Amino acid sequence: MTKDQVEAILENVRSWPRQDREELAEAALEIQARRNGVYAITAEERTAIMRAQEAPFATEDEVEAFWKARGIG
């Protein structure tokens, strides 16, 4: 694909619906990450990580009781 072809596609992208532009941006970020070894997480991924970090963890006593109830430990 020539530079002119890329420019023409990018010009067309400006008229695409937001969802399509976001999909293209995600794909481009994945390619860029693969090329330079750095991955930039999306807002959706960041939210999922934050939710996971806020999730309750079992205490040591709860873990011990879990294994004890199953005859282990």
C-alpha atoms as a PDB file:
ATOM      1  CA  MET A   1       0.000   0.000   0.000  1.00  0.00           C
ATOM      2  CA  THR A   2       1.433   3.346  -1.005  1.00  0.00           C
ATOM      3  CA  LYS A   3       1.642   6.406   1.188  1.00  0.00           C
ATOM      4  CA  ASP A   4      -0.988   8.104  -0.998  1.00  0.00           C
ATOM      5  CA  GLN A   5      -3.366   5.174  -0.499  1.00  0.00           C
ATOM      6  CA  VAL A   6      -2.893   5.349   3.253  1.00  0.00           C
ATOM      7  CA  GLU A   7      -3.572   9.083   3.215  1.00  0.00           C
ATOM      8  CA  ALA A   8      -6.764   8.542   1.182  1.00  0.00           C
ATOM      9  CA  ILE A   9      -8.030   5.926   3.636  1.00  0.00           C
ATOM     10  CA  LEU A  10      -7.255   8.135   6.618  1.00  0.00           C
ATOM     11  CA  GLU A  11      -9.152  10.982   4.991  1.00  0.00           C
ATOM     12  CA  ASN A  12     -12.195   8.709   4.584  1.00  0.00           C
ATOM     13  CA  VAL A  13     -11.954   7.557   8.194  1.00  0.00           C
ATOM     14  CA  ARG A  14     -12.863  11.057   9.359  1.00  0.00           C
ATOM     15  CA  SER A  15     -16.398  10.511   8.042  1.00  0.00           C
ATOM     16  CA  TRP A  16     -16.852   7.096   9.667  1.00  0.00           C
ATOM     17  CA  PRO A  17     -19.136   6.651  12.688  1.00  0.00           C
ATOM     18  CA  ARG A  18     -17.417   6.970  16.060  1.00  0.00           C
ATOM     19  CA  GLN A  19     -17.661   3.239  16.807  1.00  0.00           C
ATOM     20  CA  ASP A  20     -15.872   2.372  13.564  1.00  0.00           C
ATOM     21  CA  ARG A  21     -13.133   4.945  14.235  1.00  0.00           C
ATOM     22  CA  GLU A  22     -12.635   3.494  17.730  1.00  0.00           C
ATOM     23  CA  GLU A  23     -12.374  -0.017  16.289  1.00  0.00           C
ATOM     24  CA  LEU A  24      -9.737   1.150  13.821  1.00  0.00           C
ATOM     25  CA  ALA A  25      -7.837   2.962  16.565  1.00  0.00           C
ATOM     26  CA  GLU A  26      -7.794  -0.204  18.691  1.00  0.00           C
ATOM     27  CA  ALA A  27      -6.411  -2.230  15.817  1.00  0.00           C
ATOM     28  CA  ALA A  28      -3.785   0.425  15.107  1.00  0.00           C
ATOM     29  CA  LEU A  29      -2.739   0.482  18.785  1.00  0.00           C
ATOM     30  CA  GLU A  30      -2.316  -3.297  18.762  1.00  0.00           C
ATOM     31  CA  ILE A  31      -0.143  -3.122  15.663  1.00  0.00           C
ATOM     32  CA  GLN A  32       1.929  -0.303  17.150  1.00  0.00           C
ATOM     33  CA  ALA A  33       2.373  -2.254  20.389  1.00  0.00           C
ATOM     34  CA  ARG A  34       3.549  -5.286  18.433  1.00  0.00           C
ATOM     35  CA  ARG A  35       6.023  -3.124  16.530  1.00  0.00           C
ATOM     36  CA  ASN A  36       7.584  -1.416  19.539  1.00  0.00           C
ATOM     37  CA  GLY A  37       6.876  -3.911  22.334  1.00  0.00           C
ATOM     38  CA  VAL A  38       4.741  -1.525  24.405  1.00  0.00           C
ATOM     39  CA  TYR A  39       1.041  -2.128  24.910  1.00  0.00           C
ATOM     40  CA  ALA A  40      -1.251   0.766  25.786  1.00  0.00           C
ATOM     41  CA  ILE A  41      -4.363  -0.469  27.549  1.00  0.00           C
ATOM     42  CA  THR A  42      -7.752   0.776  26.501  1.00  0.00           C
ATOM     43  CA  ALA A  43     -10.127   2.643  28.784  1.00  0.00           C
ATOM     44  CA  GLU A  44     -12.295  -0.486  28.903  1.00  0.00           C
ATOM     45  CA  GLU A  45      -9.329  -2.628  29.996  1.00  0.00           C
ATOM     46  CA  ARG A  46      -8.320  -0.040  32.589  1.00  0.00           C
ATOM     47  CA  THR A  47     -11.859  -0.107  34.031  1.00  0.00           C
ATOM     48  CA  ALA A  48     -11.821  -3.919  34.177  1.00  0.00           C
ATOM     49  CA  ILE A  49      -8.487  -3.883  36.024  1.00  0.00           C
ATOM     50  CA  MET A  50      -9.746  -1.306  38.517  1.00  0.00           C
ATOM     51  CA  ARG A  51     -12.878  -3.376  39.186  1.00  0.00           C
ATOM     52  CA  ALA A  52     -10.776  -6.484  39.718  1.00  0.00           C
ATOM     53  CA  GLN A  53      -8.522  -4.639  42.161  1.00  0.00           C
ATOM     54  CA  GLU A  54     -11.544  -3.496  44.158  1.00  0.00           C
ATOM     55  CA  ALA A  55     -12.983  -7.023  44.367  1.00  0.00           C
ATOM     56  CA  PRO A  56     -12.833  -8.571  47.829  1.00  0.00           C
ATOM     57  CA  PHE A  57     -10.113 -11.101  48.540  1.00  0.00           C
ATOM     58  CA  ALA A  58     -10.387 -14.001  50.935  1.00  0.00           C
ATOM     59  CA  THR A  59      -8.649 -13.563  54.266  1.00  0.00           C
ATOM     60  CA  GLU A  60      -6.054 -16.085  55.423  1.00  0.00           C
ATOM     61  CA  ASP A  61      -8.611 -17.497  57.881  1.00  0.00           C
ATOM     62  CA  GLU A  62     -11.171 -17.938  55.082  1.00  0.00           C
ATOM     63  CA  VAL A  63      -8.624 -19.711  52.891  1.00  0.00           C
ATOM     64  CA  GLU A  64      -7.598 -21.963  55.765  1.00  0.00           C
ATOM     65  CA  ALA A  65     -11.244 -22.795  56.518  1.00  0.00           C
ATOM     66  CA  PHE A  66     -11.855 -23.540  52.829  1.00  0.00           C
ATOM     67  CA  TRP A  67      -9.059 -26.107  52.686  1.00  0.00           C
ATOM     68  CA  LYS A  68      -9.893 -27.530  56.113  1.00  0.00           C
ATOM     69  CA  ALA A  69     -13.517 -28.108  55.042  1.00  0.00           C
ATOM     70  CA  ARG A  70     -12.175 -30.169  52.146  1.00  0.00           C
ATOM     71  CA  GLY A  71      -9.844 -32.237  54.308  1.00  0.00           C
ATOM     72  CA  ILE A  72      -6.706 -30.482  53.180  1.00  0.00           C
ATOM     73  CA  GLY A  73      -4.570 -28.648  55.665  1.00  0.00           C
END
